[in-house]
Amino acid sequence: MNGTTYLIAVIGVMTAATFFTRVLPFALLRNMADHPLLLFLGRYTPPAIMTILVLYSLRGIDLTAAPFGAPELTASLITVTLHLWLRNTLLSIFSGTAFYMFVVQTGVFI
């Protein structure tokens, strides 16, 4: 087996594994769509994961040295404000990320 064939086989296996792990829960649980556990998980899992991601992103802020977390906190405020105002998740996340990257790359707060 040459390198190209091996690479195509690996990509095929990864594609199949990803596809089936996405489809399998829907196929197995389609008759249980109104089960209380699934409704609970569907309601509370996304906010819990977003909270974990935000805390993980903000864990490295150094509040003892300049700029004292100003870029991260300002980007977070922009994201939250835009989301509460416009209710557009993609726009709010993109705007906060773009602001943060601009500040980090240009050194505005430093």
N, C-alpha and C. Protein backbone atom coordinates (compact mmCIF):
# COMPACT_ATOMS: atom_id res chain seq x y z
N MET A 1 0.85 -1.18 0.00
CA MET A 1 0.00 0.00 0.00
C MET A 1 0.90 1.24 0.00
N ASN A 2 0.72 2.07 -1.03
CA ASN A 2 1.55 3.28 -1.08
C ASN A 2 0.97 4.38 -0.18
N GLY A 3 1.70 5.49 -0.06
CA GLY A 3 1.33 6.56 0.85
C GLY A 3 -0.01 7.20 0.54
N THR A 4 -0.29 7.39 -0.75
CA THR A 4 -1.55 8.03 -1.14
C THR A 4 -2.74 7.14 -0.81
N THR A 5 -2.64 5.87 -1.10
CA THR A 5 -3.72 4.94 -0.79
C THR A 5 -3.96 4.86 0.71
N TYR A 6 -2.87 4.81 1.46
CA TYR A 6 -2.99 4.77 2.92
C TYR A 6 -3.68 6.03 3.44
N LEU A 7 -3.29 7.19 2.92
CA LEU A 7 -3.89 8.46 3.35
C LEU A 7 -5.37 8.51 3.02
N ILE A 8 -5.75 8.05 1.84
CA ILE A 8 -7.16 8.02 1.46
C ILE A 8 -7.93 7.07 2.36
N ALA A 9 -7.34 5.93 2.69
CA ALA A 9 -8.00 4.97 3.58
C ALA A 9 -8.19 5.56 4.98
N VAL A 10 -7.19 6.24 5.48
CA VAL A 10 -7.29 6.86 6.81
C VAL A 10 -8.38 7.93 6.81
N ILE A 11 -8.42 8.77 5.78
CA ILE A 11 -9.45 9.80 5.69
C ILE A 11 -10.84 9.17 5.59
N GLY A 12 -10.95 8.07 4.84
CA GLY A 12 -12.23 7.37 4.73
C GLY A 12 -12.70 6.81 6.06
N VAL A 13 -11.79 6.21 6.80
CA VAL A 13 -12.15 5.65 8.12
C VAL A 13 -12.55 6.77 9.07
N MET A 14 -11.80 7.86 9.08
CA MET A 14 -12.15 8.98 9.97
C MET A 14 -13.50 9.59 9.59
N THR A 15 -13.76 9.69 8.29
CA THR A 15 -15.05 10.23 7.83
C THR A 15 -16.19 9.33 8.27
N ALA A 16 -16.04 8.02 8.08
CA ALA A 16 -17.09 7.08 8.48
C ALA A 16 -17.31 7.10 10.00
N ALA A 17 -16.22 7.13 10.76
CA ALA A 17 -16.36 7.16 12.23
C ALA A 17 -17.07 8.43 12.68
N THR A 18 -16.70 9.56 12.11
CA THR A 18 -17.35 10.83 12.47
C THR A 18 -18.82 10.80 12.09
N PHE A 19 -19.13 10.34 10.89
CA PHE A 19 -20.51 10.28 10.42
C PHE A 19 -21.36 9.39 11.32
N PHE A 20 -20.87 8.20 11.59
CA PHE A 20 -21.67 7.26 12.38
C PHE A 20 -21.83 7.69 13.83
N THR A 21 -20.84 8.36 14.41
CA THR A 21 -21.01 8.84 15.78
C THR A 21 -21.99 10.00 15.84
N ARG A 22 -22.18 10.69 14.73
CA ARG A 22 -23.18 11.75 14.69
C ARG A 22 -24.59 11.21 14.43
N VAL A 23 -24.69 10.20 13.60
CA VAL A 23 -25.98 9.66 13.19
C VAL A 23 -26.53 8.65 14.20
N LEU A 24 -25.67 7.88 14.82
CA LEU A 24 -26.09 6.80 15.70
C LEU A 24 -27.03 7.24 16.82
N PRO A 25 -26.74 8.32 17.55
CA PRO A 25 -27.70 8.71 18.60
C PRO A 25 -29.09 9.03 18.06
N PHE A 26 -29.15 9.69 16.90
CA PHE A 26 -30.46 10.00 16.33
C PHE A 26 -31.19 8.75 15.89
N ALA A 27 -30.46 7.81 15.33
CA ALA A 27 -31.08 6.56 14.88
C ALA A 27 -31.57 5.73 16.06
N LEU A 28 -30.79 5.66 17.13
CA LEU A 28 -31.15 4.84 18.28
C LEU A 28 -32.21 5.48 19.16
N LEU A 29 -32.24 6.79 19.21
CA LEU A 29 -33.13 7.48 20.15
C LEU A 29 -34.30 8.19 19.49
N ARG A 30 -34.60 7.91 18.23
CA ARG A 30 -35.67 8.63 17.56
C ARG A 30 -37.04 8.37 18.17
N ASN A 31 -37.24 7.22 18.78
CA ASN A 31 -38.53 6.92 19.41
C ASN A 31 -38.63 7.48 20.83
N MET A 32 -37.53 8.01 21.34
CA MET A 32 -37.51 8.53 22.71
C MET A 32 -37.32 10.05 22.73
N ALA A 33 -37.74 10.74 21.67
CA ALA A 33 -37.49 12.17 21.54
C ALA A 33 -38.11 12.99 22.67
N ASP A 34 -39.17 12.52 23.28
CA ASP A 34 -39.81 13.27 24.35
C ASP A 34 -39.50 12.71 25.73
N HIS A 35 -38.45 11.92 25.84
CA HIS A 35 -38.03 11.38 27.13
C HIS A 35 -37.50 12.52 28.00
N PRO A 36 -37.86 12.58 29.29
CA PRO A 36 -37.45 13.69 30.15
C PRO A 36 -35.93 13.87 30.24
N LEU A 37 -35.17 12.80 30.23
CA LEU A 37 -33.71 12.93 30.31
C LEU A 37 -33.15 13.60 29.06
N LEU A 38 -33.65 13.21 27.90
CA LEU A 38 -33.18 13.83 26.67
C LEU A 38 -33.60 15.30 26.58
N LEU A 39 -34.80 15.61 27.04
CA LEU A 39 -35.24 17.01 27.05
C LEU A 39 -34.36 17.84 28.00
N PHE A 40 -34.04 17.27 29.15
CA PHE A 40 -33.17 17.95 30.12
C PHE A 40 -31.79 18.20 29.52
N LEU A 41 -31.20 17.16 28.92
CA LEU A 41 -29.88 17.31 28.32
C LEU A 41 -29.89 18.31 27.16
N GLY A 42 -30.93 18.28 26.36
CA GLY A 42 -31.04 19.22 25.25
C GLY A 42 -31.17 20.66 25.70
N ARG A 43 -31.76 20.85 26.85
CA ARG A 43 -31.97 22.21 27.35
C ARG A 43 -30.75 22.75 28.08
N TYR A 44 -30.10 21.94 28.89
CA TYR A 44 -29.05 22.45 29.77
C TYR A 44 -27.62 22.18 29.32
N THR A 45 -27.41 21.27 28.38
CA THR A 45 -26.06 20.98 27.94
C THR A 45 -25.41 22.14 27.18
N PRO A 46 -26.07 22.77 26.21
CA PRO A 46 -25.41 23.87 25.49
C PRO A 46 -24.96 25.03 26.39
N PRO A 47 -25.81 25.54 27.31
CA PRO A 47 -25.31 26.61 28.18
C PRO A 47 -24.18 26.15 29.09
N ALA A 48 -24.23 24.91 29.54
CA ALA A 48 -23.16 24.40 30.41
C ALA A 48 -21.84 24.33 29.65
N ILE A 49 -21.87 23.87 28.42
CA ILE A 49 -20.65 23.79 27.63
C ILE A 49 -20.13 25.19 27.30
N MET A 50 -21.01 26.13 26.99
CA MET A 50 -20.57 27.50 26.71
C MET A 50 -19.92 28.11 27.96
N THR A 51 -20.48 27.85 29.13
CA THR A 51 -19.90 28.36 30.37
C THR A 51 -18.51 27.79 30.58
N ILE A 52 -18.36 26.51 30.35
CA ILE A 52 -17.05 25.88 30.51
C ILE A 52 -16.04 26.48 29.52
N LEU A 53 -16.46 26.70 28.28
CA LEU A 53 -15.56 27.28 27.28
C LEU A 53 -15.15 28.71 27.65
N VAL A 54 -16.09 29.50 28.15
CA VAL A 54 -15.76 30.87 28.55
C VAL A 54 -14.78 30.86 29.72
N LEU A 55 -15.06 30.05 30.73
CA LEU A 55 -14.15 29.97 31.87
C LEU A 55 -12.77 29.48 31.46
N TYR A 56 -12.72 28.52 30.56
CA TYR A 56 -11.44 28.01 30.08
C TYR A 56 -10.69 29.10 29.31
N SER A 57 -11.41 29.89 28.53
CA SER A 57 -10.78 30.96 27.76
C SER A 57 -10.24 32.07 28.65
N LEU A 58 -10.91 32.34 29.74
CA LEU A 58 -10.52 33.45 30.61
C LEU A 58 -9.61 33.02 31.76
N ARG A 59 -9.23 31.76 31.82
CA ARG A 59 -8.46 31.25 32.95
C ARG A 59 -7.06 31.84 33.04
N GLY A 60 -6.49 32.27 31.94
CA GLY A 60 -5.10 32.72 31.94
C GLY A 60 -4.93 34.21 32.08
N ILE A 61 -5.96 34.94 32.44
CA ILE A 61 -5.84 36.39 32.57
C ILE A 61 -4.98 36.72 33.78
N ASP A 62 -3.99 37.57 33.55
CA ASP A 62 -3.10 38.02 34.63
C ASP A 62 -3.59 39.37 35.13
N LEU A 63 -4.21 39.37 36.29
CA LEU A 63 -4.77 40.62 36.84
C LEU A 63 -3.73 41.41 37.64
N THR A 64 -2.49 40.92 37.67
CA THR A 64 -1.45 41.62 38.44
C THR A 64 -0.53 42.44 37.55
N ALA A 65 -0.66 42.33 36.25
CA ALA A 65 0.22 43.07 35.34
C ALA A 65 -0.62 43.72 34.25
N ALA A 66 -0.11 44.84 33.74
CA ALA A 66 -0.80 45.55 32.66
C ALA A 66 -0.92 44.64 31.46
N PRO A 67 -2.01 44.65 30.77
CA PRO A 67 -3.18 45.51 30.83
C PRO A 67 -4.29 45.00 31.74
N PHE A 68 -3.97 44.13 32.68
CA PHE A 68 -4.89 43.67 33.72
C PHE A 68 -6.15 43.00 33.17
N GLY A 69 -6.02 42.29 32.06
CA GLY A 69 -7.15 41.57 31.48
C GLY A 69 -8.10 42.43 30.69
N ALA A 70 -7.72 43.67 30.39
CA ALA A 70 -8.61 44.58 29.65
C ALA A 70 -9.01 44.05 28.28
N PRO A 71 -8.10 43.49 27.47
CA PRO A 71 -8.54 42.99 26.16
C PRO A 71 -9.57 41.86 26.27
N GLU A 72 -9.33 40.93 27.17
CA GLU A 72 -10.25 39.81 27.32
C GLU A 72 -11.61 40.25 27.85
N LEU A 73 -11.58 41.09 28.86
CA LEU A 73 -12.84 41.55 29.45
C LEU A 73 -13.63 42.44 28.50
N THR A 74 -12.93 43.30 27.74
CA THR A 74 -13.62 44.16 26.77
C THR A 74 -14.22 43.31 25.65
N ALA A 75 -13.46 42.35 25.15
CA ALA A 75 -13.99 41.47 24.10
C ALA A 75 -15.19 40.68 24.62
N SER A 76 -15.13 40.23 25.86
CA SER A 76 -16.26 39.50 26.45
C SER A 76 -17.48 40.41 26.57
N LEU A 77 -17.28 41.64 26.99
CA LEU A 77 -18.39 42.58 27.10
C LEU A 77 -19.01 42.89 25.73
N ILE A 78 -18.17 43.03 24.72
CA ILE A 78 -18.68 43.25 23.37
C ILE A 78 -19.52 42.07 22.92
N THR A 79 -19.03 40.88 23.16
CA THR A 79 -19.75 39.67 22.76
C THR A 79 -21.10 39.57 23.47
N VAL A 80 -21.10 39.77 24.77
CA VAL A 80 -22.35 39.66 25.54
C VAL A 80 -23.33 40.76 25.15
N THR A 81 -22.83 41.98 25.01
CA THR A 81 -23.71 43.11 24.65
C THR A 81 -24.35 42.90 23.28
N LEU A 82 -23.56 42.52 22.29
CA LEU A 82 -24.12 42.29 20.96
C LEU A 82 -25.11 41.13 20.96
N HIS A 83 -24.81 40.10 21.74
CA HIS A 83 -25.74 38.97 21.77
C HIS A 83 -27.06 39.35 22.42
N LEU A 84 -27.01 40.08 23.52
CA LEU A 84 -28.25 40.50 24.17
C LEU A 84 -29.03 41.49 23.32
N TRP A 85 -28.32 42.31 22.57
CA TRP A 85 -28.97 43.33 21.75
C TRP A 85 -29.55 42.74 20.47
N LEU A 86 -28.73 41.98 19.72
CA LEU A 86 -29.14 41.51 18.40
C LEU A 86 -29.60 40.05 18.36
N ARG A 87 -29.30 39.28 19.40
CA ARG A 87 -29.66 37.85 19.46
C ARG A 87 -29.10 37.07 18.26
N ASN A 88 -27.91 37.45 17.82
CA ASN A 88 -27.25 36.78 16.71
C ASN A 88 -25.94 36.20 17.23
N THR A 89 -25.93 34.91 17.46
CA THR A 89 -24.78 34.25 18.08
C THR A 89 -23.51 34.40 17.24
N LEU A 90 -23.61 34.12 15.95
CA LEU A 90 -22.43 34.19 15.10
C LEU A 90 -21.85 35.60 15.03
N LEU A 91 -22.71 36.59 14.91
CA LEU A 91 -22.24 37.97 14.83
C LEU A 91 -21.58 38.39 16.14
N SER A 92 -22.16 38.04 17.26
CA SER A 92 -21.59 38.45 18.54
C SER A 92 -20.25 37.75 18.80
N ILE A 93 -20.16 36.46 18.53
CA ILE A 93 -18.89 35.75 18.74
C ILE A 93 -17.83 36.25 17.78
N PHE A 94 -18.19 36.44 16.51
CA PHE A 94 -17.22 36.94 15.53
C PHE A 94 -16.73 38.33 15.91
N SER A 95 -17.63 39.21 16.34
CA SER A 95 -17.24 40.58 16.69
C SER A 95 -16.31 40.61 17.89
N GLY A 96 -16.63 39.85 18.93
CA GLY A 96 -15.77 39.80 20.10
C GLY A 96 -14.40 39.22 19.77
N THR A 97 -14.38 38.18 18.96
CA THR A 97 -13.12 37.57 18.55
C THR A 97 -12.30 38.52 17.69
N ALA A 98 -12.95 39.18 16.74
CA ALA A 98 -12.25 40.13 15.87
C ALA A 98 -11.66 41.28 16.69
N PHE A 99 -12.43 41.80 17.65
CA PHE A 99 -11.93 42.87 18.50
C PHE A 99 -10.71 42.40 19.30
N TYR A 100 -10.83 41.23 19.89
CA TYR A 100 -9.72 40.70 20.69
C TYR A 100 -8.47 40.50 19.85
N MET A 101 -8.61 39.92 18.68
CA MET A 101 -7.46 39.70 17.82
C MET A 101 -6.85 41.02 17.36
N PHE A 102 -7.69 42.01 17.07
CA PHE A 102 -7.17 43.33 16.69
C PHE A 102 -6.35 43.93 17.83
N VAL A 103 -6.88 43.88 19.03
CA VAL A 103 -6.19 44.45 20.19
C VAL A 103 -4.88 43.71 20.46
N VAL A 104 -4.91 42.41 20.39
CA VAL A 104 -3.70 41.61 20.67
C VAL A 104 -2.63 41.87 19.60
N GLN A 105 -3.05 41.95 18.34
CA GLN A 105 -2.08 42.13 17.26
C GLN A 105 -1.52 43.55 17.21
N THR A 106 -2.33 44.53 17.57
CA THR A 106 -1.85 45.93 17.49
C THR A 106 -1.32 46.44 18.81
N GLY A 107 -1.63 45.79 19.89
CA GLY A 107 -1.14 46.23 21.20
C GLY A 107 -1.81 47.49 21.71
N VAL A 108 -3.06 47.68 21.39
CA VAL A 108 -3.79 48.90 21.77
C VAL A 108 -3.83 49.08 23.27
N PHE A 109 -4.07 48.04 24.04
CA PHE A 109 -4.21 48.15 25.49
C PHE A 109 -2.89 48.12 26.24
N ILE A 110 -1.80 47.89 25.52
CA ILE A 110 -0.51 47.75 26.20
C ILE A 110 0.17 49.10 26.34
